[in-house]
């Protein structure tokens, strides 16, 4: 999915609506919606890249917990 494609023109308003209205201001829910939307966006062109994205998500999550002391 490219930023100048019709698919993105449909995808963006859906994510925007879910982020602002369906999440109801709940930060955890908004973060989860953005995580899922990011995975769908990256998976759209070459689905195999989702494995690399999941690895990066896990490493960043662990590193963030180490840095914050959780």
PDB file of N, CA and C in Angstrom:
ATOM      1  N   UNK A   1       0.861  -1.170   0.000  1.00  0.00           N
ATOM      2  CA  UNK A   1       0.000   0.000   0.000  1.00  0.00           C
ATOM      3  C   UNK A   1       0.907   1.233   0.000  1.00  0.00           C
ATOM      4  N   UNK A   2       0.717   2.062  -0.966  1.00  0.00           N
ATOM      5  CA  UNK A   2       1.468   3.300  -1.054  1.00  0.00           C
ATOM      6  C   UNK A   2       0.637   4.444  -0.473  1.00  0.00           C
ATOM      7  N   UNK A   3       1.330   5.496  -0.063  1.00  0.00           N
ATOM      8  CA  UNK A   3       0.629   6.633   0.526  1.00  0.00           C
ATOM      9  C   UNK A   3      -0.276   7.346  -0.471  1.00  0.00           C
ATOM     10  N   UNK A   4       0.024   7.231  -1.757  1.00  0.00           N
ATOM     11  CA  UNK A   4      -0.776   7.906  -2.770  1.00  0.00           C
ATOM     12  C   UNK A   4      -1.719   6.942  -3.498  1.00  0.00           C
ATOM     13  N   UNK A   5      -2.084   5.838  -2.855  1.00  0.00           N
ATOM     14  CA  UNK A   5      -2.964   4.849  -3.476  1.00  0.00           C
ATOM     15  C   UNK A   5      -4.398   4.995  -2.956  1.00  0.00           C
ATOM     16  N   UNK A   6      -5.306   4.405  -3.688  1.00  0.00           N
ATOM     17  CA  UNK A   6      -6.706   4.413  -3.279  1.00  0.00           C
ATOM     18  C   UNK A   6      -6.901   3.598  -2.000  1.00  0.00           C
ATOM     19  N   UNK A   7      -6.147   2.503  -1.868  1.00  0.00           N
ATOM     20  CA  UNK A   7      -6.254   1.682  -0.659  1.00  0.00           C
ATOM     21  C   UNK A   7      -5.912   2.488   0.593  1.00  0.00           C
ATOM     22  N   UNK A   8      -4.866   3.316   0.507  1.00  0.00           N
ATOM     23  CA  UNK A   8      -4.484   4.138   1.649  1.00  0.00           C
ATOM     24  C   UNK A   8      -5.538   5.213   1.931  1.00  0.00           C
ATOM     25  N   UNK A   9      -6.155   5.738   0.873  1.00  0.00           N
ATOM     26  CA  UNK A   9      -7.205   6.747   1.045  1.00  0.00           C
ATOM     27  C   UNK A   9      -8.409   6.163   1.769  1.00  0.00           C
ATOM     28  N   UNK A  10      -8.617   4.861   1.684  1.00  0.00           N
ATOM     29  CA  UNK A  10      -9.702   4.195   2.413  1.00  0.00           C
ATOM     30  C   UNK A  10      -9.215   3.778   3.803  1.00  0.00           C
ATOM     31  N   UNK A  11      -7.984   3.306   3.879  1.00  0.00           N
ATOM     32  CA  UNK A  11      -7.410   2.796   5.124  1.00  0.00           C
ATOM     33  C   UNK A  11      -7.269   3.897   6.184  1.00  0.00           C
ATOM     34  N   UNK A  12      -6.773   5.053   5.792  1.00  0.00           N
ATOM     35  CA  UNK A  12      -6.507   6.133   6.745  1.00  0.00           C
ATOM     36  C   UNK A  12      -7.757   6.624   7.478  1.00  0.00           C
ATOM     37  N   UNK A  13      -8.867   6.905   6.801  1.00  0.00           N
ATOM     38  CA  UNK A  13     -10.064   7.350   7.546  1.00  0.00           C
ATOM     39  C   UNK A  13     -10.612   6.280   8.497  1.00  0.00           C
ATOM     40  N   UNK A  14     -10.485   5.020   8.113  1.00  0.00           N
ATOM     41  CA  UNK A  14     -10.945   3.944   9.000  1.00  0.00           C
ATOM     42  C   UNK A  14     -10.118   3.924  10.275  1.00  0.00           C
ATOM     43  N   UNK A  15      -8.797   3.993  10.130  1.00  0.00           N
ATOM     44  CA  UNK A  15      -7.912   3.995  11.302  1.00  0.00           C
ATOM     45  C   UNK A  15      -8.139   5.256  12.126  1.00  0.00           C
ATOM     46  N   UNK A  16      -8.304   6.380  11.463  1.00  0.00           N
ATOM     47  CA  UNK A  16      -8.555   7.637  12.174  1.00  0.00           C
ATOM     48  C   UNK A  16      -9.830   7.546  13.005  1.00  0.00           C
ATOM     49  N   UNK A  17     -10.899   7.017  12.409  1.00  0.00           N
ATOM     50  CA  UNK A  17     -12.165   6.871  13.124  1.00  0.00           C
ATOM     51  C   UNK A  17     -12.008   5.930  14.315  1.00  0.00           C
ATOM     52  N   UNK A  18     -11.376   4.793  14.106  1.00  0.00           N
ATOM     53  CA  UNK A  18     -11.184   3.840  15.204  1.00  0.00           C
ATOM     54  C   UNK A  18     -10.335   4.437  16.316  1.00  0.00           C
ATOM     55  N   UNK A  19      -9.299   5.177  15.930  1.00  0.00           N
ATOM     56  CA  UNK A  19      -8.403   5.763  16.927  1.00  0.00           C
ATOM     57  C   UNK A  19      -9.117   6.803  17.783  1.00  0.00           C
ATOM     58  N   UNK A  20      -9.855   7.713  17.171  1.00  0.00           N
ATOM     59  CA  UNK A  20     -10.452   8.813  17.916  1.00  0.00           C
ATOM     60  C   UNK A  20     -11.811   8.511  18.524  1.00  0.00           C
ATOM     61  N   UNK A  21     -12.628   7.738  17.830  1.00  0.00           N
ATOM     62  CA  UNK A  21     -14.001   7.576  18.295  1.00  0.00           C
ATOM     63  C   UNK A  21     -14.264   6.217  18.937  1.00  0.00           C
ATOM     64  N   UNK A  22     -13.796   5.157  18.333  1.00  0.00           N
ATOM     65  CA  UNK A  22     -14.078   3.825  18.870  1.00  0.00           C
ATOM     66  C   UNK A  22     -13.265   3.553  20.133  1.00  0.00           C
ATOM     67  N   UNK A  23     -12.076   4.135  20.229  1.00  0.00           N
ATOM     68  CA  UNK A  23     -11.239   3.904  21.404  1.00  0.00           C
ATOM     69  C   UNK A  23     -11.725   4.702  22.606  1.00  0.00           C
ATOM     70  N   UNK A  24     -12.485   5.740  22.390  1.00  0.00           N
ATOM     71  CA  UNK A  24     -13.070   6.505  23.482  1.00  0.00           C
ATOM     72  C   UNK A  24     -12.069   7.211  24.381  1.00  0.00           C
ATOM     73  N   UNK A  25     -10.906   7.564  23.866  1.00  0.00           N
ATOM     74  CA  UNK A  25      -9.910   8.262  24.675  1.00  0.00           C
ATOM     75  C   UNK A  25      -9.082   7.362  25.568  1.00  0.00           C
ATOM     76  N   UNK A  26      -9.302   6.066  25.505  1.00  0.00           N
ATOM     77  CA  UNK A  26      -8.525   5.111  26.287  1.00  0.00           C
ATOM     78  C   UNK A  26      -7.167   4.929  25.613  1.00  0.00           C
ATOM     79  N   UNK A  27      -6.104   5.368  26.270  1.00  0.00           N
ATOM     80  CA  UNK A  27      -4.776   5.362  25.677  1.00  0.00           C
ATOM     81  C   UNK A  27      -4.298   3.953  25.334  1.00  0.00           C
ATOM     82  N   UNK A  28      -4.565   2.992  26.197  1.00  0.00           N
ATOM     83  CA  UNK A  28      -4.153   1.605  25.901  1.00  0.00           C
ATOM     84  C   UNK A  28      -4.840   1.089  24.654  1.00  0.00           C
ATOM     85  N   UNK A  29      -6.129   1.374  24.521  1.00  0.00           N
ATOM     86  CA  UNK A  29      -6.877   0.923  23.346  1.00  0.00           C
ATOM     87  C   UNK A  29      -6.392   1.646  22.090  1.00  0.00           C
ATOM     88  N   UNK A  30      -6.102   2.937  22.209  1.00  0.00           N
ATOM     89  CA  UNK A  30      -5.595   3.691  21.063  1.00  0.00           C
ATOM     90  C   UNK A  30      -4.239   3.151  20.604  1.00  0.00           C
ATOM     91  N   UNK A  31      -3.370   2.834  21.556  1.00  0.00           N
ATOM     92  CA  UNK A  31      -2.068   2.266  21.200  1.00  0.00           C
ATOM     93  C   UNK A  31      -2.227   0.918  20.524  1.00  0.00           C
ATOM     94  N   UNK A  32      -3.160   0.101  20.995  1.00  0.00           N
ATOM     95  CA  UNK A  32      -3.399  -1.203  20.390  1.00  0.00           C
ATOM     96  C   UNK A  32      -3.929  -1.044  18.959  1.00  0.00           C
ATOM     97  N   UNK A  33      -4.821  -0.090  18.746  1.00  0.00           N
ATOM     98  CA  UNK A  33      -5.351   0.160  17.409  1.00  0.00           C
ATOM     99  C   UNK A  33      -4.228   0.592  16.472  1.00  0.00           C
ATOM    100  N   UNK A  34      -3.349   1.460  16.930  1.00  0.00           N
ATOM    101  CA  UNK A  34      -2.226   1.885  16.094  1.00  0.00           C
ATOM    102  C   UNK A  34      -1.266   0.743  15.811  1.00  0.00           C
ATOM    103  N   UNK A  35      -1.059  -0.138  16.779  1.00  0.00           N
ATOM    104  CA  UNK A  35      -0.192  -1.300  16.569  1.00  0.00           C
ATOM    105  C   UNK A  35      -0.757  -2.206  15.489  1.00  0.00           C
ATOM    106  N   UNK A  36      -2.038  -2.512  15.584  1.00  0.00           N
ATOM    107  CA  UNK A  36      -2.679  -3.377  14.594  1.00  0.00           C
ATOM    108  C   UNK A  36      -2.701  -2.703  13.221  1.00  0.00           C
ATOM    109  N   UNK A  37      -3.025  -1.420  13.183  1.00  0.00           N
ATOM    110  CA  UNK A  37      -3.062  -0.696  11.903  1.00  0.00           C
ATOM    111  C   UNK A  37      -1.677  -0.651  11.264  1.00  0.00           C
ATOM    112  N   UNK A  38      -0.634  -0.473  12.066  1.00  0.00           N
ATOM    113  CA  UNK A  38       0.724  -0.468  11.530  1.00  0.00           C
ATOM    114  C   UNK A  38       1.090  -1.823  10.946  1.00  0.00           C
ATOM    115  N   UNK A  39       0.720  -2.877  11.639  1.00  0.00           N
ATOM    116  CA  UNK A  39       1.008  -4.229  11.136  1.00  0.00           C
ATOM    117  C   UNK A  39       0.269  -4.495   9.833  1.00  0.00           C
ATOM    118  N   UNK A  40      -0.979  -4.082   9.749  1.00  0.00           N
ATOM    119  CA  UNK A  40      -1.757  -4.271   8.515  1.00  0.00           C
ATOM    120  C   UNK A  40      -1.138  -3.458   7.381  1.00  0.00           C
ATOM    121  N   UNK A  41      -0.718  -2.235   7.668  1.00  0.00           N
ATOM    122  CA  UNK A  41      -0.118  -1.380   6.645  1.00  0.00           C
ATOM    123  C   UNK A  41       1.160  -2.005   6.101  1.00  0.00           C
ATOM    124  N   UNK A  42       2.040  -2.476   6.983  1.00  0.00           N
ATOM    125  CA  UNK A  42       3.295  -3.074   6.532  1.00  0.00           C
ATOM    126  C   UNK A  42       3.074  -4.408   5.842  1.00  0.00           C
ATOM    127  N   UNK A  43       2.047  -5.133   6.236  1.00  0.00           N
ATOM    128  CA  UNK A  43       1.763  -6.447   5.668  1.00  0.00           C
ATOM    129  C   UNK A  43       1.110  -6.359   4.292  1.00  0.00           C
ATOM    130  N   UNK A  44       0.578  -5.229   3.942  1.00  0.00           N
ATOM    131  CA  UNK A  44      -0.229  -5.119   2.734  1.00  0.00           C
ATOM    132  C   UNK A  44       0.577  -5.428   1.473  1.00  0.00           C
ATOM    133  N   UNK A  45       1.810  -4.966   1.376  1.00  0.00           N
ATOM    134  CA  UNK A  45       2.594  -5.145   0.163  1.00  0.00           C
ATOM    135  C   UNK A  45       3.291  -6.509   0.127  1.00  0.00           C
ATOM    136  N   UNK A  46       4.062  -6.800   1.161  1.00  0.00           N
ATOM    137  CA  UNK A  46       4.771  -8.081   1.235  1.00  0.00           C
ATOM    138  C   UNK A  46       4.509  -8.674   2.621  1.00  0.00           C
ATOM    139  N   UNK A  47       3.612  -9.651   2.710  1.00  0.00           N
ATOM    140  CA  UNK A  47       3.201 -10.191   4.018  1.00  0.00           C
ATOM    141  C   UNK A  47       4.339 -10.821   4.828  1.00  0.00           C
ATOM    142  N   UNK A  48       5.388 -11.272   4.173  1.00  0.00           N
ATOM    143  CA  UNK A  48       6.492 -11.901   4.902  1.00  0.00           C
ATOM    144  C   UNK A  48       7.228 -10.921   5.811  1.00  0.00           C
ATOM    145  N   UNK A  49       7.149  -9.636   5.516  1.00  0.00           N
ATOM    146  CA  UNK A  49       7.841  -8.637   6.323  1.00  0.00           C
ATOM    147  C   UNK A  49       7.244  -8.490   7.718  1.00  0.00           C
ATOM    148  N   UNK A  50       6.078  -9.051   7.939  1.00  0.00           N
ATOM    149  CA  UNK A  50       5.450  -8.938   9.260  1.00  0.00           C
ATOM    150  C   UNK A  50       6.286  -9.653  10.309  1.00  0.00           C
ATOM    151  N   UNK A  51       7.001 -10.690   9.911  1.00  0.00           N
ATOM    152  CA  UNK A  51       7.875 -11.400  10.856  1.00  0.00           C
ATOM    153  C   UNK A  51       8.986 -10.477  11.350  1.00  0.00           C
ATOM    154  N   UNK A  52       9.567  -9.709  10.452  1.00  0.00           N
ATOM    155  CA  UNK A  52      10.607  -8.756  10.847  1.00  0.00           C
ATOM    156  C   UNK A  52      10.007  -7.683  11.750  1.00  0.00           C
ATOM    157  N   UNK A  53       8.824  -7.224  11.424  1.00  0.00           N
ATOM    158  CA  UNK A  53       8.156  -6.202  12.239  1.00  0.00           C
ATOM    159  C   UNK A  53       7.849  -6.728  13.636  1.00  0.00           C
ATOM    160  N   UNK A  54       7.344  -7.963  13.732  1.00  0.00           N
ATOM    161  CA  UNK A  54       7.070  -8.555  15.045  1.00  0.00           C
ATOM    162  C   UNK A  54       8.339  -8.687  15.869  1.00  0.00           C
ATOM    163  N   UNK A  55       9.438  -9.076  15.242  1.00  0.00           N
ATOM    164  CA  UNK A  55      10.715  -9.180  15.951  1.00  0.00           C
ATOM    165  C   UNK A  55      11.136  -7.802  16.481  1.00  0.00           C
ATOM    166  N   UNK A  56      10.992  -6.765  15.656  1.00  0.00           N
ATOM    167  CA  UNK A  56      11.352  -5.412  16.082  1.00  0.00           C
ATOM    168  C   UNK A  56      10.439  -4.935  17.212  1.00  0.00           C
ATOM    169  N   UNK A  57       9.155  -5.268  17.146  1.00  0.00           N
ATOM    170  CA  UNK A  57       8.214  -4.880  18.200  1.00  0.00           C
ATOM    171  C   UNK A  57       8.604  -5.524  19.522  1.00  0.00           C
ATOM    172  N   UNK A  58       8.918  -6.805  19.488  1.00  0.00           N
ATOM    173  CA  UNK A  58       9.275  -7.522  20.716  1.00  0.00           C
ATOM    174  C   UNK A  58      10.571  -6.980  21.307  1.00  0.00           C
ATOM    175  N   UNK A  59      11.578  -6.769  20.476  1.00  0.00           N
ATOM    176  CA  UNK A  59      12.859  -6.244  20.965  1.00  0.00           C
ATOM    177  C   UNK A  59      12.678  -4.847  21.548  1.00  0.00           C
ATOM    178  N   UNK A  60      11.931  -3.984  20.863  1.00  0.00           N
ATOM    179  CA  UNK A  60      11.708  -2.625  21.366  1.00  0.00           C
ATOM    180  C   UNK A  60      10.914  -2.623  22.666  1.00  0.00           C
ATOM    181  N   UNK A  61       9.941  -3.516  22.777  1.00  0.00           N
ATOM    182  CA  UNK A  61       9.141  -3.609  24.003  1.00  0.00           C
ATOM    183  C   UNK A  61      10.020  -4.030  25.190  1.00  0.00           C
ATOM    184  N   UNK A  62      10.852  -5.023  24.977  1.00  0.00           N
ATOM    185  CA  UNK A  62      11.736  -5.508  26.040  1.00  0.00           C
ATOM    186  C   UNK A  62      12.737  -4.417  26.415  1.00  0.00           C
ATOM    187  N   UNK A  63      13.326  -3.771  25.402  1.00  0.00           N
ATOM    188  CA  UNK A  63      14.292  -2.710  25.681  1.00  0.00           C
ATOM    189  C   UNK A  63      13.643  -1.542  26.426  1.00  0.00           C
ATOM    190  N   UNK A  64      12.423  -1.195  26.033  1.00  0.00           N
ATOM    191  CA  UNK A  64      11.722  -0.109  26.730  1.00  0.00           C
ATOM    192  C   UNK A  64      11.442  -0.455  28.180  1.00  0.00           C
ATOM    193  N   UNK A  65      11.094  -1.704  28.455  1.00  0.00           N
ATOM    194  CA  UNK A  65      10.872  -2.113  29.834  1.00  0.00           C
ATOM    195  C   UNK A  65      12.158  -2.113  30.636  1.00  0.00           C
ATOM    196  N   UNK A  66      13.264  -2.480  30.009  1.00  0.00           N
ATOM    197  CA  UNK A  66      14.551  -2.451  30.702  1.00  0.00           C
ATOM    198  C   UNK A  66      14.945  -1.024  31.032  1.00  0.00           C
ATOM    199  N   UNK A  67      14.777  -0.109  30.080  1.00  0.00           N
ATOM    200  CA  UNK A  67      15.151   1.280  30.288  1.00  0.00           C
ATOM    201  C   UNK A  67      14.313   1.932  31.371  1.00  0.00           C
ATOM    202  N   UNK A  68      13.005   1.639  31.399  1.00  0.00           N
ATOM    203  CA  UNK A  68      12.139   2.264  32.393  1.00  0.00           C
ATOM    204  C   UNK A  68      12.162   1.530  33.728  1.00  0.00           C
ATOM    205  N   UNK A  69      12.796   0.383  33.782  1.00  0.00           N
ATOM    206  CA  UNK A  69      12.906  -0.356  35.031  1.00  0.00           C
ATOM    207  C   UNK A  69      11.687  -1.189  35.380  1.00  0.00           C
ATOM    208  N   UNK A  70      10.893  -1.553  34.417  1.00  0.00           N
ATOM    209  CA  UNK A  70       9.694  -2.354  34.687  1.00  0.00           C
ATOM    210  C   UNK A  70      10.019  -3.820  34.614  1.00  0.00           C
TER     211      UNK A  70
END
